Amino acid sequence: MASPIWRSLLFVPATNAKFVASAPKRGADAIILDLEDSVSPDRKEEARAALPAHAALLAGLGQTIIVRVNNDPKHLAPDLLAALAPSVSALMLPKIESANQLAAMENQIGEAEARAGLPPGKTGTIALIESPRAVFVAPQIADASRRLVGLGFGSEDFSAAADIAPTRDGLSGPAQWVAMAAAQNGLQAIGLAGSIAGIADLTELRELARFSRRIGLTGSVCIHPDQVAVFNEAFGVSDADFQAAKALCDAFEQALAKGTAAIAFRGRMVDKPVYDRARMLCQRYAAQGRS
């Protein structure tokens, strides 16, 4: 399954109709209707009942819809029954610990798709990597499914499991490992190399997001609407960067047409790997915010 480009993915509890109604105004690349952590156990049934109408409404407004389901088997089956619909692009699967676990959950998704009358493989998945055990096998998880469109690094859950503070010093290593596992399969790498909880100091959050992009992460979930614009900027490609990359690509392609495979361009030596990265940046610019 081709991976989209999501710089910002805004969580919205499926029980909160007011938040659902305001979500399209926030500018997020995708909206995650949540059935897991933001919904208390006594409101799971209410959330499932409300989900189909919320998803259809938002999709009708041109929004990309993801649903985060529960990992607990007693909740997963009814979650899938509520979530699988033409309006839902992908499911976010929490606490994935192994390739076998992911395969088992995706077998359930396939069966539920068939019952819902959806084409096989229509629904993508995002596997959340949230523990040290999962980080160590992230490459196997990334390679385990054709449905996968992304890996997510759950910084808060990982920090709790590893008994470390959710700071850049402690999380840059595991976050980059997840990012590289995603990159080897052409998947999105969603998350931050630090805490997602910060909403008071958006300047600090922006720098964390920019650092996260530099080490290979490609977007982040948002737990507050104010984070959306920060992540769109930090994980996105600016107009200036696009224009510079396009100029480099044009110059290199002109040189190739004349039989030259390395050129000097604006004080840099450019060969195929440099060109390839510039070309990918142009592709990302074209795709961002339009998935």
Protein backbone atom coordinates (compact mmCIF):
# COMPACT_ATOMS: atom_id res chain seq x y z
CA MET A 1 0.00 0.00 0.00
CA ALA A 2 1.44 3.41 -0.98
CA SER A 3 2.30 5.56 2.01
CA PRO A 4 0.68 9.00 2.25
CA ILE A 5 2.22 12.16 3.73
CA TRP A 6 0.80 13.23 7.09
CA ARG A 7 2.70 15.99 8.91
CA SER A 8 0.05 16.36 11.60
CA LEU A 9 -2.53 13.85 12.86
CA LEU A 10 -5.02 15.35 15.31
CA PHE A 11 -6.53 13.13 18.00
CA VAL A 12 -10.25 13.63 18.61
CA PRO A 13 -12.17 11.48 21.13
CA ALA A 14 -15.01 9.74 19.30
CA THR A 15 -17.30 10.68 22.20
CA ASN A 16 -16.85 14.43 21.79
CA ALA A 17 -19.19 15.76 19.10
CA LYS A 18 -18.06 19.37 19.71
CA PHE A 19 -14.41 18.50 19.05
CA VAL A 20 -15.38 16.46 16.00
CA ALA A 21 -17.31 19.40 14.54
CA SER A 22 -14.36 21.78 15.02
CA ALA A 23 -11.66 19.36 13.81
CA PRO A 24 -11.84 20.32 10.08
CA LYS A 25 -10.98 23.91 11.00
CA ARG A 26 -7.67 22.98 12.59
CA GLY A 27 -5.66 22.29 9.43
CA ALA A 28 -4.41 18.80 10.32
CA ASP A 29 -3.43 16.47 7.49
CA ALA A 30 -5.40 13.65 9.14
CA ILE A 31 -7.89 13.31 11.98
CA ILE A 32 -7.65 10.37 14.38
CA LEU A 33 -11.01 9.43 15.85
CA ASP A 34 -9.96 7.77 19.08
CA LEU A 35 -11.52 4.72 20.70
CA GLU A 36 -8.55 4.04 23.00
CA ASP A 37 -6.86 6.15 25.68
CA SER A 38 -8.99 9.30 25.42
CA VAL A 39 -12.19 7.28 25.91
CA SER A 40 -12.88 5.95 29.41
CA PRO A 41 -13.83 2.25 29.74
CA ASP A 42 -17.42 3.07 30.62
CA ARG A 43 -17.84 5.10 27.39
CA LYS A 44 -16.38 2.66 24.84
CA GLU A 45 -19.81 1.57 23.58
CA GLU A 46 -20.91 5.19 23.27
CA ALA A 47 -17.77 5.99 21.26
CA ARG A 48 -18.33 3.06 18.88
CA ALA A 49 -21.95 4.04 18.34
CA ALA A 50 -20.99 7.62 17.47
CA LEU A 51 -17.98 6.76 15.31
CA PRO A 52 -19.58 5.88 11.93
CA ALA A 53 -21.52 9.14 11.69
CA HIS A 54 -18.50 11.20 12.77
CA ALA A 55 -16.25 9.48 10.22
CA ALA A 56 -18.75 9.90 7.40
CA LEU A 57 -19.27 13.58 8.24
CA LEU A 58 -15.57 14.38 8.32
CA ALA A 59 -14.74 12.36 5.22
CA GLY A 60 -17.54 14.15 3.41
CA LEU A 61 -15.74 17.41 4.21
CA GLY A 62 -12.58 16.10 2.58
CA GLN A 63 -10.80 15.03 5.76
CA THR A 64 -8.56 11.95 5.97
CA ILE A 65 -9.87 9.74 8.77
CA ILE A 66 -7.87 7.34 10.92
CA VAL A 67 -9.34 5.39 13.84
CA ARG A 68 -7.24 4.34 16.82
CA VAL A 69 -8.66 1.07 18.09
CA ASN A 70 -8.01 -0.78 21.34
CA ASN A 71 -5.43 -3.54 21.64
CA ASP A 72 -7.47 -5.53 24.18
CA PRO A 73 -9.14 -8.45 22.31
CA LYS A 74 -12.46 -7.87 24.07
CA HIS A 75 -12.55 -4.36 22.61
CA LEU A 76 -10.83 -4.93 19.26
CA ALA A 77 -13.60 -6.92 17.58
CA PRO A 78 -16.39 -4.39 18.30
CA ASP A 79 -13.99 -1.55 17.49
CA LEU A 80 -13.42 -3.02 14.03
CA LEU A 81 -17.13 -3.46 13.51
CA ALA A 82 -17.65 0.24 14.19
CA ALA A 83 -14.55 1.55 12.43
CA LEU A 84 -14.34 -0.27 9.11
CA ALA A 85 -16.17 1.82 6.55
CA PRO A 86 -15.42 3.53 3.21
CA SER A 87 -14.85 6.80 5.10
CA VAL A 88 -11.92 5.43 7.14
CA SER A 89 -8.49 5.40 5.50
CA ALA A 90 -6.48 3.61 8.18
CA LEU A 91 -6.51 2.07 11.64
CA MET A 92 -3.96 2.99 14.28
CA LEU A 93 -3.00 -0.18 16.18
CA PRO A 94 -1.56 0.47 19.66
CA LYS A 95 1.06 -1.47 21.58
CA ILE A 96 2.31 -3.67 18.74
CA GLU A 97 5.04 -5.89 20.20
CA SER A 98 5.90 -8.24 17.34
CA ALA A 99 5.37 -9.02 13.67
CA ASN A 100 3.24 -12.02 14.65
CA GLN A 101 0.96 -9.87 16.78
CA LEU A 102 0.52 -7.41 13.92
CA ALA A 103 -0.24 -10.25 11.50
CA ALA A 104 -2.89 -11.66 13.86
CA MET A 105 -4.57 -8.27 14.24
CA GLU A 106 -4.52 -7.73 10.50
CA ASN A 107 -6.14 -11.12 9.92
CA GLN A 108 -9.00 -9.85 12.07
CA ILE A 109 -9.09 -6.64 10.05
CA GLY A 110 -9.31 -8.61 6.81
CA GLU A 111 -12.20 -10.71 8.13
CA ALA A 112 -13.98 -7.59 9.36
CA GLU A 113 -13.45 -5.86 6.00
CA ALA A 114 -15.10 -8.79 4.25
CA ARG A 115 -18.08 -8.65 6.61
CA ALA A 116 -18.37 -4.91 5.98
CA GLY A 117 -18.33 -5.43 2.21
CA LEU A 118 -15.07 -3.53 1.73
CA PRO A 119 -12.44 -4.45 -0.87
CA PRO A 120 -9.64 -6.63 0.55
CA GLY A 121 -6.79 -4.50 1.84
CA LYS A 122 -8.75 -1.25 1.53
CA THR A 123 -7.89 -0.15 5.08
CA GLY A 124 -4.31 0.83 5.90
CA THR A 125 -2.68 0.40 9.29
CA ILE A 126 -0.27 2.31 11.51
CA ALA A 127 1.59 0.16 14.04
CA LEU A 128 2.41 1.96 17.28
CA ILE A 129 5.82 1.07 18.74
CA GLU A 130 5.53 1.81 22.46
CA SER A 131 7.99 -0.36 24.39
CA PRO A 132 11.70 -1.30 24.37
CA ARG A 133 10.77 -4.81 23.20
CA ALA A 134 8.87 -3.38 20.23
CA VAL A 135 11.69 -0.99 19.30
CA PHE A 136 14.16 -3.86 19.02
CA VAL A 137 11.93 -5.68 16.52
CA ALA A 138 10.66 -2.59 14.69
CA PRO A 139 12.34 -3.62 11.39
CA GLN A 140 10.48 -6.96 11.44
CA ILE A 141 7.20 -5.22 12.28
CA ALA A 142 7.73 -2.74 9.43
CA ASP A 143 8.24 -5.62 7.00
CA ALA A 144 5.27 -7.70 8.20
CA SER A 145 2.33 -6.24 6.31
CA ARG A 146 1.27 -4.79 2.98
CA ARG A 147 -1.39 -2.77 4.79
CA LEU A 148 1.11 -0.71 6.75
CA VAL A 149 1.35 2.96 5.86
CA GLY A 150 3.34 3.97 8.93
CA LEU A 151 5.06 3.19 12.19
CA GLY A 152 4.30 5.35 15.19
CA PHE A 153 6.75 5.94 18.03
CA GLY A 154 4.79 6.33 21.27
CA SER A 155 7.20 8.46 23.28
CA GLU A 156 5.14 8.68 26.46
CA ASP A 157 4.36 4.96 26.69
CA PHE A 158 7.93 4.07 25.72
CA SER A 159 9.32 6.32 28.44
CA ALA A 160 7.08 4.73 31.05
CA ALA A 161 8.04 1.22 29.92
CA ALA A 162 11.76 2.07 29.90
CA ASP A 163 11.57 4.09 33.14
CA ILE A 164 13.21 7.16 31.60
CA ALA A 165 12.13 10.78 31.26
CA PRO A 166 10.58 11.63 27.85
CA THR A 167 13.42 13.94 26.83
CA ARG A 168 15.37 14.30 23.61
CA ASP A 169 18.49 12.88 25.27
CA GLY A 170 16.74 9.65 26.17
CA LEU A 171 14.47 9.22 23.17
CA SER A 172 16.47 10.28 20.11
CA GLY A 173 18.04 6.82 19.78
CA PRO A 174 14.88 4.69 19.87
CA ALA A 175 12.92 7.28 17.87
CA GLN A 176 15.51 7.23 15.08
CA TRP A 177 15.60 3.42 15.12
CA VAL A 178 11.84 3.38 14.50
CA ALA A 179 12.26 6.02 11.80
CA MET A 180 14.90 3.92 10.02
CA ALA A 181 12.71 0.81 10.26
CA ALA A 182 9.92 2.78 8.60
CA ALA A 183 12.23 4.22 5.94
CA GLN A 184 13.45 0.80 4.83
CA ASN A 185 9.87 -0.02 3.80
CA GLY A 186 8.81 3.39 2.50
CA LEU A 187 6.51 4.02 5.47
CA GLN A 188 5.73 7.13 7.42
CA ALA A 189 7.51 7.52 10.76
CA ILE A 190 5.11 9.26 13.10
CA GLY A 191 6.20 10.62 16.46
CA LEU A 192 8.60 12.84 18.37
CA ALA A 193 12.00 12.26 19.94
CA GLY A 194 10.57 13.70 23.16
CA SER A 195 7.32 14.36 24.96
CA ILE A 196 4.14 15.04 23.02
CA ALA A 197 2.54 16.58 26.13
CA GLY A 198 3.99 20.08 25.76
CA ILE A 199 1.46 22.71 24.72
CA ALA A 200 2.51 25.77 26.76
CA ASP A 201 5.83 26.48 25.01
CA LEU A 202 5.23 26.09 21.28
CA THR A 203 8.69 27.42 20.45
CA GLU A 204 10.26 24.56 22.37
CA LEU A 205 7.84 22.10 20.76
CA ARG A 206 8.72 23.42 17.30
CA GLU A 207 12.42 22.86 17.92
CA LEU A 208 11.72 19.32 19.15
CA ALA A 209 9.66 18.65 16.01
CA ARG A 210 12.39 20.06 13.76
CA PHE A 211 14.97 17.87 15.47
CA SER A 212 12.66 14.87 15.09
CA ARG A 213 12.41 15.59 11.36
CA ARG A 214 16.20 15.81 11.10
CA ILE A 215 16.59 12.30 12.51
CA GLY A 216 14.02 10.80 10.14
CA LEU A 217 10.56 11.15 11.68
CA THR A 218 8.06 12.48 9.16
CA GLY A 219 5.08 13.73 11.20
CA SER A 220 3.47 13.63 14.61
CA VAL A 221 0.19 13.05 16.32
CA CYS A 222 -1.34 16.13 17.94
CA ILE A 223 -3.06 16.00 21.31
CA HIS A 224 -4.06 19.68 21.15
CA PRO A 225 -5.17 21.81 18.17
CA ASP A 226 -2.40 24.36 18.84
CA GLN A 227 0.16 21.72 17.92
CA VAL A 228 -1.14 21.32 14.36
CA ALA A 229 0.42 24.42 12.81
CA VAL A 230 3.70 23.74 14.62
CA PHE A 231 3.98 20.24 13.17
CA ASN A 232 2.83 21.26 9.70
CA GLU A 233 5.70 23.75 9.58
CA ALA A 234 8.35 21.60 11.26
CA PHE A 235 7.67 18.42 9.28
CA GLY A 236 6.73 20.15 6.06
CA VAL A 237 8.75 21.47 3.13
CA SER A 238 8.84 25.25 2.86
CA ASP A 239 8.35 27.09 -0.42
CA ALA A 240 11.98 28.25 -0.28
CA ASP A 241 13.32 24.74 0.27
CA PHE A 242 11.18 23.45 -2.58
CA GLN A 243 12.41 26.12 -4.98
CA ALA A 244 16.04 25.39 -4.07
CA ALA A 245 15.54 21.66 -4.52
CA LYS A 246 13.75 22.13 -7.83
CA ALA A 247 16.56 24.33 -9.14
CA LEU A 248 19.11 21.68 -8.15
CA CYS A 249 17.07 18.95 -9.89
CA ASP A 250 16.71 21.01 -13.04
CA ALA A 251 20.46 21.73 -13.18
CA PHE A 252 21.40 18.09 -12.58
CA GLU A 253 18.94 16.77 -15.16
CA GLN A 254 20.30 19.20 -17.74
CA ALA A 255 23.82 17.96 -16.96
CA LEU A 256 22.72 14.33 -17.24
CA ALA A 257 21.26 15.04 -20.66
CA LYS A 258 24.74 16.20 -21.71
CA GLY A 259 26.42 13.11 -20.29
CA THR A 260 27.66 14.63 -17.00
CA ALA A 261 26.82 12.82 -13.73
CA ALA A 262 28.34 15.27 -11.22
CA ILE A 263 28.11 19.05 -11.15
CA ALA A 264 28.94 22.03 -8.96
CA PHE A 265 25.75 23.83 -7.94
CA ARG A 266 25.64 26.88 -5.67
CA GLY A 267 28.82 25.93 -3.87
CA ARG A 268 28.04 22.21 -3.53
CA MET A 269 29.08 19.14 -5.44
CA VAL A 270 25.98 17.32 -6.66
CA ASP A 271 25.87 13.70 -7.77
CA LYS A 272 23.04 11.18 -7.94
CA PRO A 273 22.45 10.67 -4.17
CA VAL A 274 22.22 14.43 -3.64
CA TYR A 275 19.89 14.70 -6.64
CA ASP A 276 17.73 11.83 -5.38
CA ARG A 277 17.25 13.52 -2.02
CA ALA A 278 16.30 16.81 -3.70
CA ARG A 279 13.84 14.97 -5.94
CA MET A 280 12.23 13.28 -2.91
CA LEU A 281 11.93 16.66 -1.21
CA CYS A 282 10.07 17.97 -4.27
CA GLN A 283 7.76 14.97 -4.19
CA ARG A 284 7.09 15.51 -0.50
CA TYR A 285 6.29 19.18 -1.15
CA ALA A 286 3.75 18.17 -3.78
CA ALA A 287 2.13 15.60 -1.49
CA GLN A 288 2.09 17.36 1.88
CA GLY A 289 -1.32 18.28 3.15
CA ARG A 290 -3.01 16.63 0.18
CA SER A 291 -3.17 12.99 1.27
